[in-house]
Amino acid sequence: MNDPLNTAVVRHSPSTGAGSPDVWGIYEPDTGSIQYICADPTTKKAALIDVVWNFDPKNYKFTTESMDQVLDLVEENGLSVQWILDTHPHADHVMASTQLKERTGAPNAIGSLVPEIAKIWADLYNLPDAFDPVRDFDHLFREGETFKIGELDVKVMLSPGHTLGSITYVCGDAAFVHDTLMQPDAGTSRSDFPGGTTEELWQSIQDILALPGSTRLYIGHDYGTDERKEPQWEATVDEHRACNIHVKDGTKREDYIERRQKRDATLSLPNRILAALQINLRGGRLPPAEDDGNHYLKLPVNRFD
């Protein structure tokens, strides 16, 4: 029997009515990432959110099966891609943003504070001129900015903590909340990367949980639990407020911060982070080829505890 946590699971969450999108979640098992298609049922226009460019950290090889799977779903459902969106520069997977832009012609976008994240990592890599998000993304969304997917309204919420520039996309009764919340039985995401803070993560989660109770929250990652061996990525605001093991109603801010920081202190760096951020802060582009025609990454030594 196949292990669901090692399988590329796909689920469709249909529109609940006027102003509500169709959502497909596509689970990427190597990194536990959830990729999304958010589509207007009327116009069939769609946004692709946090899609993975597959990277093997043992052999430093790239493949395209995840983005191929997402684009196959787009075609199968008669959709057209209007936006390529990321919620933040991911630490655990390489973003497919530029690859998808080249394959679909759609513009790519991320949050307006990503240039501040780029400054932190340019120092860590000692690559002062390497990263230019204004160059590599077609749009940098500001807090409170709105845009359209087909006829659906989308609002951008700044939701820092995991990174200082993470954003949430709220489309009708669907919110793509990235590395803030996990599923209710798993709690919340880490906040110990450079530029992240537990205090900001707490406040971002409170802002998300202030959305209407029926809002469908779509998380960035799932790894299962000791009791649950099947990937999940959707729960409502009401379900999180009732059951989330870290932030359910009644949780005190100081207790959450202490618990999150204690947990984060035990975590190692993700095994793709030093490669992924060097690429993601270029919009999912490899560094320029050198004189032999090959691409190389630079890895900092003794910069992390």
C-alpha atoms as a PDB file:
ATOM      1  CA  MET A   1       0.000   0.000   0.000  1.00  0.00           C
ATOM      2  CA  ASN A   2       1.294   3.467  -0.904  1.00  0.00           C
ATOM      3  CA  ASP A   3       2.219   5.792   1.939  1.00  0.00           C
ATOM      4  CA  PRO A   4       0.096   8.962   1.391  1.00  0.00           C
ATOM      5  CA  LEU A   5       2.852  11.131   2.886  1.00  0.00           C
ATOM      6  CA  ASN A   6       5.138   9.903   0.087  1.00  0.00           C
ATOM      7  CA  THR A   7       2.581  10.380  -2.684  1.00  0.00           C
ATOM      8  CA  ALA A   8       1.753  13.459  -4.794  1.00  0.00           C
ATOM      9  CA  VAL A   9      -1.814  13.810  -3.515  1.00  0.00           C
ATOM     10  CA  VAL A  10      -4.281  16.141  -5.302  1.00  0.00           C
ATOM     11  CA  ARG A  11      -7.597  17.388  -3.879  1.00  0.00           C
ATOM     12  CA  HIS A  12     -10.199  19.781  -5.241  1.00  0.00           C
ATOM     13  CA  SER A  13     -12.093  22.097  -2.885  1.00  0.00           C
ATOM     14  CA  PRO A  14     -14.973  23.491  -4.951  1.00  0.00           C
ATOM     15  CA  SER A  15     -16.323  27.012  -4.855  1.00  0.00           C
ATOM     16  CA  THR A  16     -18.931  27.534  -2.145  1.00  0.00           C
ATOM     17  CA  GLY A  17     -20.876  30.151  -4.122  1.00  0.00           C
ATOM     18  CA  ALA A  18     -20.649  33.693  -5.462  1.00  0.00           C
ATOM     19  CA  GLY A  19     -17.230  35.256  -4.907  1.00  0.00           C
ATOM     20  CA  SER A  20     -15.683  31.942  -3.838  1.00  0.00           C
ATOM     21  CA  PRO A  21     -12.866  30.295  -5.801  1.00  0.00           C
ATOM     22  CA  ASP A  22     -12.270  26.730  -6.852  1.00  0.00           C
ATOM     23  CA  VAL A  23      -9.099  25.532  -5.134  1.00  0.00           C
ATOM     24  CA  TRP A  24      -6.884  22.593  -5.996  1.00  0.00           C
ATOM     25  CA  GLY A  25      -4.207  21.561  -3.514  1.00  0.00           C
ATOM     26  CA  ILE A  26      -1.268  19.538  -4.837  1.00  0.00           C
ATOM     27  CA  TYR A  27       0.918  17.921  -2.172  1.00  0.00           C
ATOM     28  CA  GLU A  28       4.639  17.649  -2.966  1.00  0.00           C
ATOM     29  CA  PRO A  29       5.938  14.769  -0.856  1.00  0.00           C
ATOM     30  CA  ASP A  30       9.697  15.424  -0.909  1.00  0.00           C
ATOM     31  CA  THR A  31       9.311  18.710   0.978  1.00  0.00           C
ATOM     32  CA  GLY A  32       5.812  18.376   2.423  1.00  0.00           C
ATOM     33  CA  SER A  33       4.862  21.491   0.442  1.00  0.00           C
ATOM     34  CA  ILE A  34       1.345  22.265  -0.730  1.00  0.00           C
ATOM     35  CA  GLN A  35       0.991  23.955  -4.115  1.00  0.00           C
ATOM     36  CA  TYR A  36      -2.274  25.612  -5.083  1.00  0.00           C
ATOM     37  CA  ILE A  37      -4.420  26.514  -8.034  1.00  0.00           C
ATOM     38  CA  CYS A  38      -6.959  29.227  -7.177  1.00  0.00           C
ATOM     39  CA  ALA A  39      -9.498  29.702  -9.975  1.00  0.00           C
ATOM     40  CA  ASP A  40     -12.542  31.786 -10.771  1.00  0.00           C
ATOM     41  CA  PRO A  41     -15.320  29.295 -11.635  1.00  0.00           C
ATOM     42  CA  THR A  42     -16.942  31.810 -13.999  1.00  0.00           C
ATOM     43  CA  THR A  43     -14.029  32.989 -16.142  1.00  0.00           C
ATOM     44  CA  LYS A  44     -11.713  29.991 -15.564  1.00  0.00           C
ATOM     45  CA  LYS A  45      -8.862  32.401 -14.881  1.00  0.00           C
ATOM     46  CA  ALA A  46      -6.425  31.012 -12.311  1.00  0.00           C
ATOM     47  CA  ALA A  47      -3.482  31.833 -10.085  1.00  0.00           C
ATOM     48  CA  LEU A  48      -0.762  29.297  -9.318  1.00  0.00           C
ATOM     49  CA  ILE A  49       0.518  29.692  -5.759  1.00  0.00           C
ATOM     50  CA  ASP A  50       3.793  28.445  -4.229  1.00  0.00           C
ATOM     51  CA  VAL A  51       4.568  25.907  -6.961  1.00  0.00           C
ATOM     52  CA  VAL A  52       7.708  23.785  -6.531  1.00  0.00           C
ATOM     53  CA  TRP A  53      10.678  23.415  -8.858  1.00  0.00           C
ATOM     54  CA  ASN A  54      11.888  19.980  -7.763  1.00  0.00           C
ATOM     55  CA  PHE A  55      15.448  19.935  -6.432  1.00  0.00           C
ATOM     56  CA  ASP A  56      17.468  16.927  -5.305  1.00  0.00           C
ATOM     57  CA  PRO A  57      19.835  18.195  -2.560  1.00  0.00           C
ATOM     58  CA  LYS A  58      21.993  15.069  -2.746  1.00  0.00           C
ATOM     59  CA  ASN A  59      22.839  15.358  -6.409  1.00  0.00           C
ATOM     60  CA  TYR A  60      22.031  19.061  -6.989  1.00  0.00           C
ATOM     61  CA  LYS A  61      19.737  18.236  -9.884  1.00  0.00           C
ATOM     62  CA  PHE A  62      16.476  19.887 -10.912  1.00  0.00           C
ATOM     63  CA  THR A  63      13.394  18.264 -12.424  1.00  0.00           C
ATOM     64  CA  THR A  64       9.962  19.616 -13.294  1.00  0.00           C
ATOM     65  CA  GLU A  65       7.460  16.949 -12.272  1.00  0.00           C
ATOM     66  CA  SER A  66       5.636  19.173  -9.766  1.00  0.00           C
ATOM     67  CA  MET A  67       5.118  22.128 -12.076  1.00  0.00           C
ATOM     68  CA  ASP A  68       4.227  19.699 -14.872  1.00  0.00           C
ATOM     69  CA  GLN A  69       1.569  18.172 -12.634  1.00  0.00           C
ATOM     70  CA  VAL A  70       0.159  21.609 -11.807  1.00  0.00           C
ATOM     71  CA  LEU A  71       0.048  22.679 -15.461  1.00  0.00           C
ATOM     72  CA  ASP A  72      -1.588  19.373 -16.418  1.00  0.00           C
ATOM     73  CA  LEU A  73      -4.345  20.119 -13.874  1.00  0.00           C
ATOM     74  CA  VAL A  74      -4.746  23.583 -15.378  1.00  0.00           C
ATOM     75  CA  GLU A  75      -5.241  22.066 -18.829  1.00  0.00           C
ATOM     76  CA  GLU A  76      -7.508  19.256 -17.630  1.00  0.00           C
ATOM     77  CA  ASN A  77      -9.843  21.759 -15.986  1.00  0.00           C
ATOM     78  CA  GLY A  78      -9.942  24.224 -18.872  1.00  0.00           C
ATOM     79  CA  LEU A  79      -8.203  26.986 -16.903  1.00  0.00           C
ATOM     80  CA  SER A  80      -5.949  29.801 -18.077  1.00  0.00           C
ATOM     81  CA  VAL A  81      -3.156  31.097 -15.873  1.00  0.00           C
ATOM     82  CA  GLN A  82      -3.440  34.792 -14.985  1.00  0.00           C
ATOM     83  CA  TRP A  83      -0.912  35.009 -12.124  1.00  0.00           C
ATOM     84  CA  ILE A  84       2.138  33.175 -10.780  1.00  0.00           C
ATOM     85  CA  LEU A  85       2.180  33.925  -7.032  1.00  0.00           C
ATOM     86  CA  ASP A  86       4.474  33.152  -4.130  1.00  0.00           C
ATOM     87  CA  THR A  87       3.810  33.972  -0.502  1.00  0.00           C
ATOM     88  CA  HIS A  88       7.486  34.376   0.496  1.00  0.00           C
ATOM     89  CA  PRO A  89      10.996  33.237  -0.512  1.00  0.00           C
ATOM     90  CA  HIS A  90      10.766  29.614   0.579  1.00  0.00           C
ATOM     91  CA  ALA A  91      13.487  27.983   2.657  1.00  0.00           C
ATOM     92  CA  ASP A  92      12.543  24.362   2.055  1.00  0.00           C
ATOM     93  CA  HIS A  93      11.845  24.256  -1.657  1.00  0.00           C
ATOM     94  CA  VAL A  94      12.880  26.049  -4.820  1.00  0.00           C
ATOM     95  CA  MET A  95      10.124  28.159  -6.334  1.00  0.00           C
ATOM     96  CA  ALA A  96       8.965  27.496  -9.890  1.00  0.00           C
ATOM     97  CA  SER A  97       8.042  31.148 -10.443  1.00  0.00           C
ATOM     98  CA  THR A  98      10.302  32.025 -13.355  1.00  0.00           C
ATOM     99  CA  GLN A  99       9.884  28.623 -14.995  1.00  0.00           C
ATOM    100  CA  LEU A 100       6.085  28.996 -14.885  1.00  0.00           C
ATOM    101  CA  LYS A 101       6.246  32.563 -16.163  1.00  0.00           C
ATOM    102  CA  GLU A 102       8.235  31.360 -19.174  1.00  0.00           C
ATOM    103  CA  ARG A 103       5.814  28.475 -19.792  1.00  0.00           C
ATOM    104  CA  THR A 104       2.545  30.381 -19.350  1.00  0.00           C
ATOM    105  CA  GLY A 105       3.320  34.018 -20.122  1.00  0.00           C
ATOM    106  CA  ALA A 106       1.636  35.071 -16.868  1.00  0.00           C
ATOM    107  CA  PRO A 107       3.273  37.677 -14.592  1.00  0.00           C
ATOM    108  CA  ASN A 108       4.898  36.583 -11.355  1.00  0.00           C
ATOM    109  CA  ALA A 109       4.546  38.317  -7.996  1.00  0.00           C
ATOM    110  CA  ILE A 110       5.545  38.208  -4.320  1.00  0.00           C
ATOM    111  CA  GLY A 111       5.465  40.608  -1.345  1.00  0.00           C
ATOM    112  CA  SER A 112       6.875  44.135  -1.312  1.00  0.00           C
ATOM    113  CA  LEU A 113       9.206  43.476   1.654  1.00  0.00           C
ATOM    114  CA  VAL A 114      11.128  40.728  -0.125  1.00  0.00           C
ATOM    115  CA  PRO A 115      13.897  43.227  -1.003  1.00  0.00           C
ATOM    116  CA  GLU A 116      14.500  43.522   2.759  1.00  0.00           C
ATOM    117  CA  ILE A 117      14.821  39.741   3.014  1.00  0.00           C
ATOM    118  CA  ALA A 118      17.219  39.840   0.064  1.00  0.00           C
ATOM    119  CA  LYS A 119      19.471  42.293   1.948  1.00  0.00           C
ATOM    120  CA  ILE A 120      19.771  39.895   4.900  1.00  0.00           C
ATOM    121  CA  TRP A 121      20.706  36.961   2.711  1.00  0.00           C
ATOM    122  CA  ALA A 122      22.991  38.976   0.439  1.00  0.00           C
ATOM    123  CA  ASP A 123      25.067  39.610   3.565  1.00  0.00           C
ATOM    124  CA  LEU A 124      24.956  35.957   4.658  1.00  0.00           C
ATOM    125  CA  TYR A 125      26.120  34.819   1.213  1.00  0.00           C
ATOM    126  CA  ASN A 126      28.479  37.806   0.768  1.00  0.00           C
ATOM    127  CA  LEU A 127      26.781  38.449  -2.570  1.00  0.00           C
ATOM    128  CA  PRO A 128      25.999  42.175  -2.380  1.00  0.00           C
ATOM    129  CA  ASP A 129      24.757  42.550  -5.960  1.00  0.00           C
ATOM    130  CA  ALA A 130      23.155  39.147  -6.527  1.00  0.00           C
ATOM    131  CA  PHE A 131      19.510  39.734  -5.610  1.00  0.00           C
ATOM    132  CA  ASP A 132      17.098  42.225  -7.152  1.00  0.00           C
ATOM    133  CA  PRO A 133      13.448  41.240  -6.578  1.00  0.00           C
ATOM    134  CA  VAL A 134      12.269  44.315  -8.496  1.00  0.00           C
ATOM    135  CA  ARG A 135      14.083  42.880 -11.517  1.00  0.00           C
ATOM    136  CA  ASP A 136      13.013  39.276 -11.058  1.00  0.00           C
ATOM    137  CA  PHE A 137       9.314  39.701 -10.180  1.00  0.00           C
ATOM    138  CA  ASP A 138       6.743  41.552 -12.254  1.00  0.00           C
ATOM    139  CA  HIS A 139       4.937  42.850  -9.177  1.00  0.00           C
ATOM    140  CA  LEU A 140       5.654  43.251  -5.453  1.00  0.00           C
ATOM    141  CA  PHE A 141       2.373  43.312  -3.513  1.00  0.00           C
ATOM    142  CA  ARG A 142       1.937  45.770  -0.649  1.00  0.00           C
ATOM    143  CA  GLU A 143      -0.077  45.242   2.543  1.00  0.00           C
ATOM    144  CA  GLY A 144      -3.755  45.847   1.775  1.00  0.00           C
ATOM    145  CA  GLU A 145      -3.301  45.855  -2.008  1.00  0.00           C
ATOM    146  CA  THR A 146      -6.066  44.260  -4.081  1.00  0.00           C
ATOM    147  CA  PHE A 147      -6.086  42.586  -7.479  1.00  0.00           C
ATOM    148  CA  LYS A 148      -8.269  40.219  -9.508  1.00  0.00           C
ATOM    149  CA  ILE A 149      -8.265  36.567 -10.472  1.00  0.00           C
ATOM    150  CA  GLY A 150     -10.847  36.635 -13.232  1.00  0.00           C
ATOM    151  CA  GLU A 151     -13.810  38.379 -11.593  1.00  0.00           C
ATOM    152  CA  LEU A 152     -12.747  37.436  -8.055  1.00  0.00           C
ATOM    153  CA  ASP A 153     -11.289  40.028  -5.706  1.00  0.00           C
ATOM    154  CA  VAL A 154      -8.038  39.176  -3.915  1.00  0.00           C
ATOM    155  CA  LYS A 155      -6.651  41.118  -0.939  1.00  0.00           C
ATOM    156  CA  VAL A 156      -3.053  40.960   0.260  1.00  0.00           C
ATOM    157  CA  MET A 157      -2.320  40.683   3.995  1.00  0.00           C
ATOM    158  CA  LEU A 158       1.192  41.189   5.292  1.00  0.00           C
ATOM    159  CA  SER A 159       1.765  38.202   7.603  1.00  0.00           C
ATOM    160  CA  PRO A 160       5.373  38.217   8.837  1.00  0.00           C
ATOM    161  CA  GLY A 161       6.992  36.042  11.460  1.00  0.00           C
ATOM    162  CA  HIS A 162       8.223  33.089   9.444  1.00  0.00           C
ATOM    163  CA  THR A 163       9.961  35.693   7.278  1.00  0.00           C
ATOM    164  CA  LEU A 164       9.740  39.453   7.631  1.00  0.00           C
ATOM    165  CA  GLY A 165       8.006  39.812   4.256  1.00  0.00           C
ATOM    166  CA  SER A 166       5.562  36.899   4.040  1.00  0.00           C
ATOM    167  CA  ILE A 167       2.114  37.689   2.641  1.00  0.00           C
ATOM    168  CA  THR A 168      -1.277  35.978   2.655  1.00  0.00           C
ATOM    169  CA  TYR A 169      -3.647  36.024  -0.318  1.00  0.00           C
ATOM    170  CA  VAL A 170      -7.345  36.261   0.634  1.00  0.00           C
ATOM    171  CA  CYS A 171      -9.700  35.399  -2.239  1.00  0.00           C
ATOM    172  CA  GLY A 172     -13.339  35.287  -1.201  1.00  0.00           C
ATOM    173  CA  ASP A 173     -13.673  32.565   1.420  1.00  0.00           C
ATOM    174  CA  ALA A 174     -10.189  31.142   0.712  1.00  0.00           C
ATOM    175  CA  ALA A 175      -6.957  32.371   2.317  1.00  0.00           C
ATOM    176  CA  PHE A 176      -3.515  31.070   1.394  1.00  0.00           C
ATOM    177  CA  VAL A 177      -1.694  31.462   4.702  1.00  0.00           C
ATOM    178  CA  HIS A 178       1.681  29.839   3.865  1.00  0.00           C
ATOM    179  CA  ASP A 179       4.109  29.150   6.745  1.00  0.00           C
ATOM    180  CA  THR A 180       2.039  30.638   9.571  1.00  0.00           C
ATOM    181  CA  LEU A 181      -0.392  27.939  10.613  1.00  0.00           C
ATOM    182  CA  MET A 182      -0.024  24.218  10.188  1.00  0.00           C
ATOM    183  CA  GLN A 183      -3.082  21.963  10.410  1.00  0.00           C
ATOM    184  CA  PRO A 184      -4.943  22.228  13.756  1.00  0.00           C
ATOM    185  CA  ASP A 185      -3.423  18.953  14.984  1.00  0.00           C
ATOM    186  CA  ALA A 186       0.115  20.193  14.159  1.00  0.00           C
ATOM    187  CA  GLY A 187      -0.014  23.799  15.348  1.00  0.00           C
ATOM    188  CA  THR A 188       2.061  26.507  13.686  1.00  0.00           C
ATOM    189  CA  SER A 189       5.206  27.051  11.639  1.00  0.00           C
ATOM    190  CA  ARG A 190       8.717  27.949  12.768  1.00  0.00           C
ATOM    191  CA  SER A 191       9.884  31.542  13.194  1.00  0.00           C
ATOM    192  CA  ASP A 192      13.641  31.232  13.704  1.00  0.00           C
ATOM    193  CA  PHE A 193      15.002  32.014  10.231  1.00  0.00           C
ATOM    194  CA  PRO A 194      16.920  35.294   9.759  1.00  0.00           C
ATOM    195  CA  GLY A 195      14.377  38.138   9.840  1.00  0.00           C
ATOM    196  CA  GLY A 196      11.637  36.027  11.413  1.00  0.00           C
ATOM    197  CA  THR A 197      10.234  36.617  14.896  1.00  0.00           C
ATOM    198  CA  THR A 198       7.838  34.640  17.056  1.00  0.00           C
ATOM    199  CA  GLU A 199       6.130  37.821  18.233  1.00  0.00           C
ATOM    200  CA  GLU A 200       5.284  38.829  14.669  1.00  0.00           C
ATOM    201  CA  LEU A 201       4.156  35.301  13.829  1.00  0.00           C
ATOM    202  CA  TRP A 202       1.731  35.365  16.759  1.00  0.00           C
ATOM    203  CA  GLN A 203       0.224  38.642  15.572  1.00  0.00           C
ATOM    204  CA  SER A 204       0.002  37.457  11.960  1.00  0.00           C
ATOM    205  CA  ILE A 205      -1.877  34.368  13.106  1.00  0.00           C
ATOM    206  CA  GLN A 206      -4.261  36.494  15.181  1.00  0.00           C
ATOM    207  CA  ASP A 207      -4.987  38.614  12.089  1.00  0.00           C
ATOM    208  CA  ILE A 208      -5.659  35.485  10.033  1.00  0.00           C
ATOM    209  CA  LEU A 209      -7.921  34.036  12.724  1.00  0.00           C
ATOM    210  CA  ALA A 210      -9.902  37.302  12.722  1.00  0.00           C
ATOM    211  CA  LEU A 211     -11.161  36.458   9.209  1.00  0.00           C
ATOM    212  CA  PRO A 212     -14.765  35.151   8.986  1.00  0.00           C
ATOM    213  CA  GLY A 213     -15.138  31.764  10.686  1.00  0.00           C
ATOM    214  CA  SER A 214     -16.037  29.920   7.480  1.00  0.00           C
ATOM    215  CA  THR A 215     -12.879  31.089   5.663  1.00  0.00           C
ATOM    216  CA  ARG A 216     -10.980  28.128   4.262  1.00  0.00           C
ATOM    217  CA  LEU A 217      -7.338  28.404   5.338  1.00  0.00           C
ATOM    218  CA  TYR A 218      -4.754  26.774   3.072  1.00  0.00           C
ATOM    219  CA  ILE A 219      -1.378  26.143   4.692  1.00  0.00           C
ATOM    220  CA  GLY A 220       2.096  25.884   3.196  1.00  0.00           C
ATOM    221  CA  HIS A 221       3.226  22.516   4.548  1.00  0.00           C
ATOM    222  CA  ASP A 222       2.070  19.308   6.149  1.00  0.00           C
ATOM    223  CA  TYR A 223       4.156  16.433   7.488  1.00  0.00           C
ATOM    224  CA  GLY A 224       1.411  14.402   9.135  1.00  0.00           C
ATOM    225  CA  THR A 225       1.491  13.657  12.869  1.00  0.00           C
ATOM    226  CA  ASP A 226       2.121  10.617  15.018  1.00  0.00           C
ATOM    227  CA  GLU A 227      -1.576   9.831  14.725  1.00  0.00           C
ATOM    228  CA  ARG A 228      -2.302  11.120  11.194  1.00  0.00           C
ATOM    229  CA  LYS A 229      -0.420   9.557   8.269  1.00  0.00           C
ATOM    230  CA  GLU A 230      -2.308  11.333   5.477  1.00  0.00           C
ATOM    231  CA  PRO A 231      -1.459  14.854   4.280  1.00  0.00           C
ATOM    232  CA  GLN A 232      -4.011  17.571   4.988  1.00  0.00           C
ATOM    233  CA  TRP A 233      -3.950  21.272   4.197  1.00  0.00           C
ATOM    234  CA  GLU A 234      -7.419  22.788   4.563  1.00  0.00           C
ATOM    235  CA  ALA A 235      -9.307  23.826   7.714  1.00  0.00           C
ATOM    236  CA  THR A 236     -11.576  26.757   8.517  1.00  0.00           C
ATOM    237  CA  VAL A 237     -10.881  29.667  10.812  1.00  0.00           C
ATOM    238  CA  ASP A 238     -13.467  28.240  13.212  1.00  0.00           C
ATOM    239  CA  GLU A 239     -11.697  24.863  13.243  1.00  0.00           C
ATOM    240  CA  HIS A 240      -8.354  26.466  14.033  1.00  0.00           C
ATOM    241  CA  ARG A 241      -9.846  28.637  16.756  1.00  0.00           C
ATOM    242  CA  ALA A 242     -11.466  25.596  18.330  1.00  0.00           C
ATOM    243  CA  CYS A 243      -8.730  22.991  17.912  1.00  0.00           C
ATOM    244  CA  ASN A 244      -5.316  24.331  16.870  1.00  0.00           C
ATOM    245  CA  ILE A 245      -2.927  22.883  19.425  1.00  0.00           C
ATOM    246  CA  HIS A 246      -0.783  26.051  19.515  1.00  0.00           C
ATOM    247  CA  VAL A 247      -3.202  28.975  19.078  1.00  0.00           C
ATOM    248  CA  LYS A 248      -6.790  27.908  19.800  1.00  0.00           C
ATOM    249  CA  ASP A 249      -9.034  30.378  21.576  1.00  0.00           C
ATOM    250  CA  GLY A 250      -7.856  30.994  25.104  1.00  0.00           C
ATOM    251  CA  THR A 251      -4.141  30.616  24.330  1.00  0.00           C
ATOM    252  CA  LYS A 252      -2.008  33.307  25.951  1.00  0.00           C
ATOM    253  CA  ARG A 253       0.474  35.191  23.807  1.00  0.00           C
ATOM    254  CA  GLU A 254       3.380  34.666  26.204  1.00  0.00           C
ATOM    255  CA  ASP A 255       2.674  30.925  26.450  1.00  0.00           C
ATOM    256  CA  TYR A 256       2.645  30.598  22.674  1.00  0.00           C
ATOM    257  CA  ILE A 257       5.886  32.520  22.264  1.00  0.00           C
ATOM    258  CA  GLU A 258       7.638  30.400  24.888  1.00  0.00           C
ATOM    259  CA  ARG A 259       6.382  27.155  23.340  1.00  0.00           C
ATOM    260  CA  ARG A 260       7.258  28.159  19.773  1.00  0.00           C
ATOM    261  CA  GLN A 261      10.738  29.376  20.639  1.00  0.00           C
ATOM    262  CA  LYS A 262      11.478  26.273  22.687  1.00  0.00           C
ATOM    263  CA  ARG A 263      10.455  24.086  19.755  1.00  0.00           C
ATOM    264  CA  ASP A 264      12.381  26.159  17.204  1.00  0.00           C
ATOM    265  CA  ALA A 265      15.568  25.827  19.256  1.00  0.00           C
ATOM    266  CA  THR A 266      15.530  22.073  18.545  1.00  0.00           C
ATOM    267  CA  LEU A 267      15.159  22.379  14.753  1.00  0.00           C
ATOM    268  CA  SER A 268      17.941  22.069  12.204  1.00  0.00           C
ATOM    269  CA  LEU A 269      18.089  24.121   9.025  1.00  0.00           C
ATOM    270  CA  PRO A 270      16.024  22.601   6.195  1.00  0.00           C
ATOM    271  CA  ASN A 271      18.308  20.594   3.934  1.00  0.00           C
ATOM    272  CA  ARG A 272      17.512  22.756   0.890  1.00  0.00           C
ATOM    273  CA  ILE A 273      17.613  26.223   2.483  1.00  0.00           C
ATOM    274  CA  LEU A 274      21.090  27.391   1.462  1.00  0.00           C
ATOM    275  CA  ALA A 275      20.501  26.389  -2.150  1.00  0.00           C
ATOM    276  CA  ALA A 276      16.832  27.391  -2.259  1.00  0.00           C
ATOM    277  CA  LEU A 277      17.156  30.949  -0.985  1.00  0.00           C
ATOM    278  CA  GLN A 278      20.045  31.703  -3.318  1.00  0.00           C
ATOM    279  CA  ILE A 279      17.692  30.802  -6.182  1.00  0.00           C
ATOM    280  CA  ASN A 280      14.360  32.004  -4.779  1.00  0.00           C
ATOM    281  CA  LEU A 281      15.673  35.502  -4.087  1.00  0.00           C
ATOM    282  CA  ARG A 282      16.299  35.621  -7.842  1.00  0.00           C
ATOM    283  CA  GLY A 283      12.659  34.716  -8.492  1.00  0.00           C
ATOM    284  CA  GLY A 284      13.497  31.061  -9.028  1.00  0.00           C
ATOM    285  CA  ARG A 285      16.422  31.753 -11.368  1.00  0.00           C
ATOM    286  CA  LEU A 286      19.786  30.045 -11.193  1.00  0.00           C
ATOM    287  CA  PRO A 287      22.837  32.298 -10.857  1.00  0.00           C
ATOM    288  CA  PRO A 288      24.282  33.335 -14.221  1.00  0.00           C
ATOM    289  CA  ALA A 289      26.268  30.620 -15.971  1.00  0.00           C
ATOM    290  CA  GLU A 290      30.024  30.884 -15.642  1.00  0.00           C
ATOM    291  CA  ASP A 291      32.550  30.707 -18.476  1.00  0.00           C
ATOM    292  CA  ASP A 292      32.180  26.923 -18.726  1.00  0.00           C
ATOM    293  CA  GLY A 293      28.427  27.254 -19.307  1.00  0.00           C
ATOM    294  CA  ASN A 294      27.482  25.776 -15.925  1.00  0.00           C
ATOM    295  CA  HIS A 295      25.722  27.306 -12.922  1.00  0.00           C
ATOM    296  CA  TYR A 296      27.197  27.335  -9.418  1.00  0.00           C
ATOM    297  CA  LEU A 297      25.858  28.101  -5.955  1.00  0.00           C
ATOM    298  CA  LYS A 298      27.777  29.726  -3.118  1.00  0.00           C
ATOM    299  CA  LEU A 299      27.342  28.272   0.377  1.00  0.00           C
ATOM    300  CA  PRO A 300      28.226  30.152   3.581  1.00  0.00           C
ATOM    301  CA  VAL A 301      30.339  28.267   6.121  1.00  0.00           C
ATOM    302  CA  ASN A 302      30.006  28.657   9.904  1.00  0.00           C
ATOM    303  CA  ARG A 303      27.320  31.322   9.600  1.00  0.00           C
ATOM    304  CA  PHE A 304      24.626  29.368  11.450  1.00  0.00           C
ATOM    305  CA  ASP A 305      24.533  27.701  14.862  1.00  0.00           C
END
